[in-house]
Amino acid sequence: YYTSIPGSCNFETQDQEWTTVCGLTQDSSDDFDWNISNSAVMGQMGPDADHTPGKGQYFLYVNSSAQKEGNRARLTTMKLFPASLGICRVRFWFWMFASRQTGVLKVHTVEEHGMNILMWSSSRNEENKW
């Protein structure tokens, strides 16, 4: 259900142009980028499977073990979302497990004057699952 509603993305793109397909932009002022991969490529460093129901294979990842403390990888949406009255939801699944170098995953919203507001964060997942 979630992969068919407007604004959703399952990263199952043939041409690897997931930023365009998913309406996301890599921040050019950050320190490193998000990439797309699957569990076969990630091997021991990543999850055994994608979270997408059915035949999903691909997901976004950052390799935090290759970074210095304080480095950022940031994605932003290409379009603005209108303000809502308690009905706006962001749904995503994440896997952060087994690495001592795991950073912090944060979700911000940017208000109309450009101020970032932290909405959610996690420093690691205690279980080997999405």
N, C-alpha and C. Protein backbone atom coordinates (compact mmCIF):
# COMPACT_ATOMS: atom_id res chain seq x y z
N TYR A 1 0.82 -1.20 0.00
CA TYR A 1 0.00 0.00 0.00
C TYR A 1 0.86 1.26 0.00
N TYR A 2 1.85 1.31 0.86
CA TYR A 2 2.64 2.53 1.01
C TYR A 2 3.46 2.86 -0.24
N THR A 3 3.81 1.88 -1.03
CA THR A 3 4.64 2.16 -2.21
C THR A 3 3.84 2.72 -3.37
N SER A 4 2.51 2.79 -3.26
CA SER A 4 1.71 3.30 -4.37
C SER A 4 1.08 4.66 -4.10
N ILE A 5 1.28 5.23 -2.92
CA ILE A 5 0.68 6.53 -2.63
C ILE A 5 1.62 7.65 -3.08
N PRO A 6 1.09 8.83 -3.40
CA PRO A 6 1.92 9.94 -3.87
C PRO A 6 3.01 10.30 -2.86
N GLY A 7 4.21 10.55 -3.38
CA GLY A 7 5.33 10.91 -2.53
C GLY A 7 6.14 9.74 -2.04
N SER A 8 5.68 8.51 -2.31
CA SER A 8 6.42 7.35 -1.84
C SER A 8 7.44 6.90 -2.88
N CYS A 9 8.42 6.15 -2.43
CA CYS A 9 9.43 5.63 -3.34
C CYS A 9 9.95 4.33 -2.77
N ASN A 10 10.13 3.34 -3.63
CA ASN A 10 10.69 2.07 -3.18
C ASN A 10 12.09 1.84 -3.73
N PHE A 11 12.63 2.80 -4.50
CA PHE A 11 14.00 2.77 -5.02
C PHE A 11 14.26 1.65 -6.00
N GLU A 12 13.20 1.08 -6.56
CA GLU A 12 13.37 0.02 -7.56
C GLU A 12 13.44 0.63 -8.96
N THR A 13 14.50 1.37 -9.24
CA THR A 13 14.66 2.01 -10.53
C THR A 13 15.68 1.26 -11.36
N GLN A 14 15.37 1.05 -12.62
CA GLN A 14 16.26 0.33 -13.52
C GLN A 14 17.49 1.14 -13.90
N ASP A 15 17.31 2.44 -14.06
CA ASP A 15 18.40 3.28 -14.57
C ASP A 15 19.21 3.96 -13.47
N GLN A 16 18.97 3.61 -12.22
CA GLN A 16 19.69 4.17 -11.09
C GLN A 16 19.48 5.68 -10.92
N GLU A 17 18.50 6.24 -11.60
CA GLU A 17 18.18 7.66 -11.44
C GLU A 17 17.15 7.83 -10.33
N TRP A 18 17.44 7.29 -9.18
CA TRP A 18 16.49 7.28 -8.08
C TRP A 18 16.20 8.68 -7.55
N THR A 19 17.15 9.61 -7.67
CA THR A 19 16.88 10.95 -7.17
C THR A 19 15.73 11.60 -7.94
N THR A 20 15.75 11.45 -9.26
CA THR A 20 14.68 12.02 -10.10
C THR A 20 13.38 11.27 -9.89
N VAL A 21 13.44 9.94 -9.94
CA VAL A 21 12.25 9.10 -9.78
C VAL A 21 11.59 9.34 -8.42
N CYS A 22 12.39 9.49 -7.38
CA CYS A 22 11.86 9.61 -6.03
C CYS A 22 11.66 11.06 -5.58
N GLY A 23 12.04 12.02 -6.43
CA GLY A 23 11.86 13.42 -6.07
C GLY A 23 12.79 13.88 -4.96
N LEU A 24 14.01 13.37 -4.95
CA LEU A 24 14.99 13.72 -3.92
C LEU A 24 16.21 14.38 -4.55
N THR A 25 16.91 15.18 -3.76
CA THR A 25 18.12 15.85 -4.22
C THR A 25 19.24 15.62 -3.22
N GLN A 26 20.43 15.27 -3.73
CA GLN A 26 21.60 15.18 -2.86
C GLN A 26 22.02 16.61 -2.52
N ASP A 27 22.28 16.89 -1.28
CA ASP A 27 22.73 18.21 -0.86
C ASP A 27 24.17 18.40 -1.32
N SER A 28 24.42 19.42 -2.13
CA SER A 28 25.77 19.65 -2.66
C SER A 28 26.73 20.21 -1.62
N SER A 29 26.21 20.67 -0.49
CA SER A 29 27.08 21.23 0.55
C SER A 29 27.39 20.24 1.67
N ASP A 30 26.92 18.99 1.54
CA ASP A 30 27.22 18.01 2.59
C ASP A 30 28.58 17.36 2.32
N ASP A 31 28.95 16.38 3.15
CA ASP A 31 30.28 15.79 3.08
C ASP A 31 30.37 14.51 2.25
N PHE A 32 29.27 13.79 2.13
CA PHE A 32 29.23 12.58 1.30
C PHE A 32 27.78 12.33 0.91
N ASP A 33 27.55 11.38 0.00
CA ASP A 33 26.22 11.19 -0.56
C ASP A 33 25.58 9.86 -0.18
N TRP A 34 24.26 9.85 -0.28
CA TRP A 34 23.49 8.62 -0.17
C TRP A 34 23.67 7.87 -1.49
N ASN A 35 23.64 6.54 -1.42
CA ASN A 35 23.75 5.70 -2.61
C ASN A 35 22.64 4.68 -2.60
N ILE A 36 22.45 4.03 -3.72
CA ILE A 36 21.45 2.98 -3.81
C ILE A 36 22.18 1.65 -3.97
N SER A 37 21.69 0.62 -3.32
CA SER A 37 22.32 -0.69 -3.39
C SER A 37 21.29 -1.76 -3.05
N ASN A 38 21.76 -3.00 -3.00
CA ASN A 38 20.90 -4.10 -2.55
C ASN A 38 21.69 -4.97 -1.58
N SER A 39 21.03 -5.93 -0.98
CA SER A 39 21.67 -6.74 0.05
C SER A 39 22.80 -7.59 -0.51
N ALA A 40 22.72 -8.00 -1.79
CA ALA A 40 23.78 -8.81 -2.38
C ALA A 40 25.09 -8.03 -2.45
N VAL A 41 25.02 -6.75 -2.77
CA VAL A 41 26.21 -5.91 -2.87
C VAL A 41 26.74 -5.57 -1.48
N MET A 42 25.84 -5.30 -0.55
CA MET A 42 26.24 -4.87 0.80
C MET A 42 26.87 -6.01 1.61
N GLY A 43 26.46 -7.24 1.37
CA GLY A 43 27.03 -8.38 2.09
C GLY A 43 26.82 -8.29 3.58
N GLN A 44 27.89 -8.48 4.35
CA GLN A 44 27.84 -8.48 5.81
C GLN A 44 27.56 -7.10 6.40
N MET A 45 27.76 -6.04 5.63
CA MET A 45 27.62 -4.68 6.15
C MET A 45 26.17 -4.19 6.18
N GLY A 46 25.26 -4.90 5.55
CA GLY A 46 23.91 -4.38 5.44
C GLY A 46 22.86 -5.42 5.78
N PRO A 47 21.59 -5.07 5.58
CA PRO A 47 20.49 -5.98 5.87
C PRO A 47 20.45 -7.15 4.89
N ASP A 48 19.77 -8.22 5.29
CA ASP A 48 19.66 -9.40 4.44
C ASP A 48 18.73 -9.18 3.26
N ALA A 49 17.78 -8.25 3.40
CA ALA A 49 16.80 -8.00 2.34
C ALA A 49 16.27 -6.58 2.46
N ASP A 50 15.66 -6.14 1.37
CA ASP A 50 15.00 -4.84 1.35
C ASP A 50 13.70 -4.95 2.15
N HIS A 51 13.18 -3.83 2.63
CA HIS A 51 11.94 -3.83 3.38
C HIS A 51 10.71 -3.83 2.48
N THR A 52 10.86 -3.41 1.23
CA THR A 52 9.71 -3.30 0.33
C THR A 52 9.04 -4.65 0.15
N PRO A 53 7.71 -4.73 0.33
CA PRO A 53 7.01 -6.00 0.14
C PRO A 53 7.14 -6.51 -1.29
N GLY A 54 7.06 -7.81 -1.47
CA GLY A 54 7.12 -8.38 -2.82
C GLY A 54 8.54 -8.59 -3.27
N LYS A 55 8.85 -8.07 -4.44
CA LYS A 55 10.16 -8.33 -5.04
C LYS A 55 11.12 -7.16 -4.92
N GLY A 56 10.96 -6.34 -3.91
CA GLY A 56 11.86 -5.22 -3.72
C GLY A 56 13.27 -5.68 -3.42
N GLN A 57 14.23 -4.97 -3.99
CA GLN A 57 15.63 -5.32 -3.78
C GLN A 57 16.48 -4.15 -3.32
N TYR A 58 16.16 -2.95 -3.75
CA TYR A 58 17.05 -1.81 -3.55
C TYR A 58 16.63 -0.91 -2.39
N PHE A 59 17.63 -0.25 -1.80
CA PHE A 59 17.41 0.68 -0.69
C PHE A 59 18.54 1.71 -0.73
N LEU A 60 18.34 2.81 -0.03
CA LEU A 60 19.38 3.83 0.09
C LEU A 60 20.28 3.49 1.26
N TYR A 61 21.56 3.87 1.15
CA TYR A 61 22.46 3.64 2.27
C TYR A 61 23.56 4.71 2.28
N VAL A 62 24.15 4.86 3.43
CA VAL A 62 25.40 5.61 3.58
C VAL A 62 26.34 4.71 4.37
N ASN A 63 27.61 4.76 4.00
CA ASN A 63 28.62 3.99 4.71
C ASN A 63 29.27 4.90 5.73
N SER A 64 28.75 4.88 6.94
CA SER A 64 29.26 5.78 7.98
C SER A 64 30.63 5.37 8.49
N SER A 65 31.04 4.12 8.27
CA SER A 65 32.34 3.68 8.77
C SER A 65 33.50 4.34 8.02
N ALA A 66 33.23 4.90 6.85
CA ALA A 66 34.29 5.54 6.07
C ALA A 66 34.35 7.05 6.31
N GLN A 67 33.59 7.55 7.28
CA GLN A 67 33.48 9.00 7.49
C GLN A 67 34.08 9.42 8.83
N LYS A 68 34.32 10.72 8.94
CA LYS A 68 34.78 11.29 10.20
C LYS A 68 33.58 11.77 10.99
N GLU A 69 33.73 11.85 12.31
CA GLU A 69 32.66 12.34 13.16
C GLU A 69 32.28 13.76 12.73
N GLY A 70 30.99 14.00 12.59
CA GLY A 70 30.50 15.31 12.18
C GLY A 70 30.20 15.42 10.69
N ASN A 71 30.67 14.46 9.87
CA ASN A 71 30.36 14.48 8.45
C ASN A 71 28.87 14.23 8.24
N ARG A 72 28.31 14.82 7.18
CA ARG A 72 26.87 14.69 6.92
C ARG A 72 26.62 14.22 5.49
N ALA A 73 25.60 13.39 5.34
CA ALA A 73 25.04 13.03 4.04
C ALA A 73 23.58 13.45 4.11
N ARG A 74 23.17 14.34 3.21
CA ARG A 74 21.83 14.92 3.34
C ARG A 74 21.06 14.84 2.03
N LEU A 75 19.81 14.42 2.15
CA LEU A 75 18.85 14.41 1.05
C LEU A 75 17.76 15.41 1.35
N THR A 76 17.27 16.07 0.32
CA THR A 76 16.12 16.95 0.49
C THR A 76 15.08 16.62 -0.57
N THR A 77 13.83 16.95 -0.28
CA THR A 77 12.78 16.72 -1.27
C THR A 77 12.83 17.83 -2.31
N MET A 78 12.45 17.50 -3.53
CA MET A 78 12.48 18.48 -4.62
C MET A 78 11.30 19.43 -4.58
N LYS A 79 10.22 19.01 -3.95
CA LYS A 79 9.05 19.88 -3.91
C LYS A 79 8.68 20.21 -2.47
N LEU A 80 8.07 21.35 -2.29
CA LEU A 80 7.61 21.75 -0.98
C LEU A 80 6.28 21.08 -0.68
N PHE A 81 6.07 20.74 0.56
CA PHE A 81 4.81 20.16 0.97
C PHE A 81 4.01 21.21 1.71
N PRO A 82 2.74 21.34 1.42
CA PRO A 82 1.95 22.37 2.10
C PRO A 82 1.77 22.05 3.58
N ALA A 83 1.57 23.10 4.36
CA ALA A 83 1.33 22.91 5.79
C ALA A 83 0.04 22.12 5.98
N SER A 84 -0.01 21.35 7.04
CA SER A 84 -1.20 20.55 7.31
C SER A 84 -1.63 20.75 8.76
N LEU A 85 -2.82 20.29 9.06
CA LEU A 85 -3.34 20.40 10.43
C LEU A 85 -3.36 19.01 11.06
N GLY A 86 -2.20 18.53 11.42
CA GLY A 86 -2.10 17.25 12.12
C GLY A 86 -2.28 16.02 11.25
N ILE A 87 -2.18 16.13 9.93
CA ILE A 87 -2.37 14.95 9.09
C ILE A 87 -1.15 14.59 8.26
N CYS A 88 -0.08 15.36 8.35
CA CYS A 88 1.12 15.09 7.57
C CYS A 88 1.91 13.97 8.23
N ARG A 89 2.31 12.97 7.45
CA ARG A 89 3.08 11.85 7.98
C ARG A 89 4.25 11.55 7.07
N VAL A 90 5.36 11.20 7.68
CA VAL A 90 6.51 10.70 6.94
C VAL A 90 6.72 9.28 7.43
N ARG A 91 6.72 8.35 6.49
CA ARG A 91 6.94 6.94 6.84
C ARG A 91 8.19 6.46 6.12
N PHE A 92 9.06 5.81 6.86
CA PHE A 92 10.24 5.21 6.26
C PHE A 92 10.74 4.10 7.17
N TRP A 93 11.50 3.22 6.60
CA TRP A 93 12.08 2.13 7.36
C TRP A 93 13.58 2.31 7.32
N PHE A 94 14.25 1.99 8.42
CA PHE A 94 15.69 2.15 8.46
C PHE A 94 16.33 0.94 9.14
N TRP A 95 17.57 0.71 8.80
CA TRP A 95 18.36 -0.39 9.35
C TRP A 95 19.69 0.20 9.77
N MET A 96 19.95 0.21 11.07
CA MET A 96 21.21 0.72 11.62
C MET A 96 21.67 -0.30 12.65
N PHE A 97 22.57 -1.17 12.25
CA PHE A 97 22.92 -2.26 13.17
C PHE A 97 24.37 -2.68 12.98
N ALA A 98 24.98 -3.08 14.06
CA ALA A 98 26.26 -3.79 14.07
C ALA A 98 27.48 -2.97 13.71
N SER A 99 27.39 -1.69 13.63
CA SER A 99 28.57 -0.90 13.34
C SER A 99 28.86 0.06 14.49
N ARG A 100 30.09 0.07 14.93
CA ARG A 100 30.49 1.01 15.98
C ARG A 100 30.55 2.43 15.43
N GLN A 101 30.65 2.56 14.12
CA GLN A 101 30.75 3.88 13.51
C GLN A 101 29.40 4.42 13.04
N THR A 102 28.31 3.80 13.43
CA THR A 102 27.00 4.28 13.02
C THR A 102 26.78 5.68 13.54
N GLY A 103 26.34 6.55 12.66
CA GLY A 103 26.09 7.92 13.05
C GLY A 103 24.68 8.11 13.56
N VAL A 104 24.13 9.28 13.34
CA VAL A 104 22.77 9.61 13.77
C VAL A 104 21.93 9.87 12.53
N LEU A 105 20.79 9.21 12.45
CA LEU A 105 19.85 9.43 11.37
C LEU A 105 18.82 10.44 11.87
N LYS A 106 18.68 11.56 11.13
CA LYS A 106 17.77 12.62 11.57
C LYS A 106 16.81 12.99 10.46
N VAL A 107 15.61 13.36 10.85
CA VAL A 107 14.61 13.88 9.92
C VAL A 107 14.28 15.30 10.37
N HIS A 108 14.48 16.24 9.46
CA HIS A 108 14.18 17.65 9.74
C HIS A 108 13.06 18.11 8.82
N THR A 109 12.33 19.08 9.25
CA THR A 109 11.44 19.82 8.36
C THR A 109 12.01 21.23 8.30
N VAL A 110 11.84 21.87 7.17
CA VAL A 110 12.34 23.22 7.00
C VAL A 110 11.14 24.15 6.92
N GLU A 111 11.08 25.10 7.84
CA GLU A 111 9.93 26.00 7.85
C GLU A 111 10.12 27.09 6.80
N GLU A 112 9.10 27.90 6.59
CA GLU A 112 9.08 28.83 5.46
C GLU A 112 10.23 29.82 5.41
N HIS A 113 10.86 30.12 6.53
CA HIS A 113 11.99 31.05 6.54
C HIS A 113 13.33 30.34 6.47
N GLY A 114 13.31 29.01 6.29
CA GLY A 114 14.53 28.24 6.11
C GLY A 114 15.12 27.62 7.35
N MET A 115 14.48 27.75 8.50
CA MET A 115 15.00 27.15 9.72
C MET A 115 14.72 25.65 9.74
N ASN A 116 15.78 24.86 10.02
CA ASN A 116 15.63 23.41 10.16
C ASN A 116 15.07 23.09 11.53
N ILE A 117 14.04 22.24 11.57
CA ILE A 117 13.44 21.82 12.83
C ILE A 117 13.56 20.30 12.91
N LEU A 118 14.26 19.82 13.94
CA LEU A 118 14.44 18.38 14.12
C LEU A 118 13.10 17.75 14.49
N MET A 119 12.68 16.76 13.71
CA MET A 119 11.41 16.07 13.95
C MET A 119 11.61 14.70 14.59
N TRP A 120 12.75 14.05 14.27
CA TRP A 120 13.00 12.69 14.74
C TRP A 120 14.48 12.38 14.57
N SER A 121 15.02 11.53 15.45
CA SER A 121 16.40 11.06 15.26
C SER A 121 16.58 9.71 15.93
N SER A 122 17.60 8.98 15.46
CA SER A 122 17.96 7.70 16.06
C SER A 122 19.46 7.52 15.90
N SER A 123 20.11 7.05 16.96
CA SER A 123 21.55 6.85 16.88
C SER A 123 21.93 5.42 16.54
N ARG A 124 21.06 4.48 16.81
CA ARG A 124 21.29 3.10 16.36
C ARG A 124 20.08 2.23 16.67
N ASN A 125 20.03 1.13 15.99
CA ASN A 125 18.95 0.18 16.17
C ASN A 125 19.53 -1.03 16.91
N GLU A 126 18.91 -1.43 17.96
CA GLU A 126 19.43 -2.53 18.76
C GLU A 126 19.18 -3.92 18.14
N GLU A 127 18.31 -3.97 17.15
CA GLU A 127 17.98 -5.26 16.56
C GLU A 127 18.35 -5.30 15.09
N ASN A 128 18.68 -6.48 14.60
CA ASN A 128 19.06 -6.67 13.21
C ASN A 128 17.81 -6.81 12.34
N LYS A 129 17.07 -5.71 12.23
CA LYS A 129 15.85 -5.72 11.43
C LYS A 129 15.48 -4.29 11.03
N TRP A 130 14.60 -4.17 10.06
CA TRP A 130 14.11 -2.86 9.62
C TRP A 130 13.17 -2.34 10.69
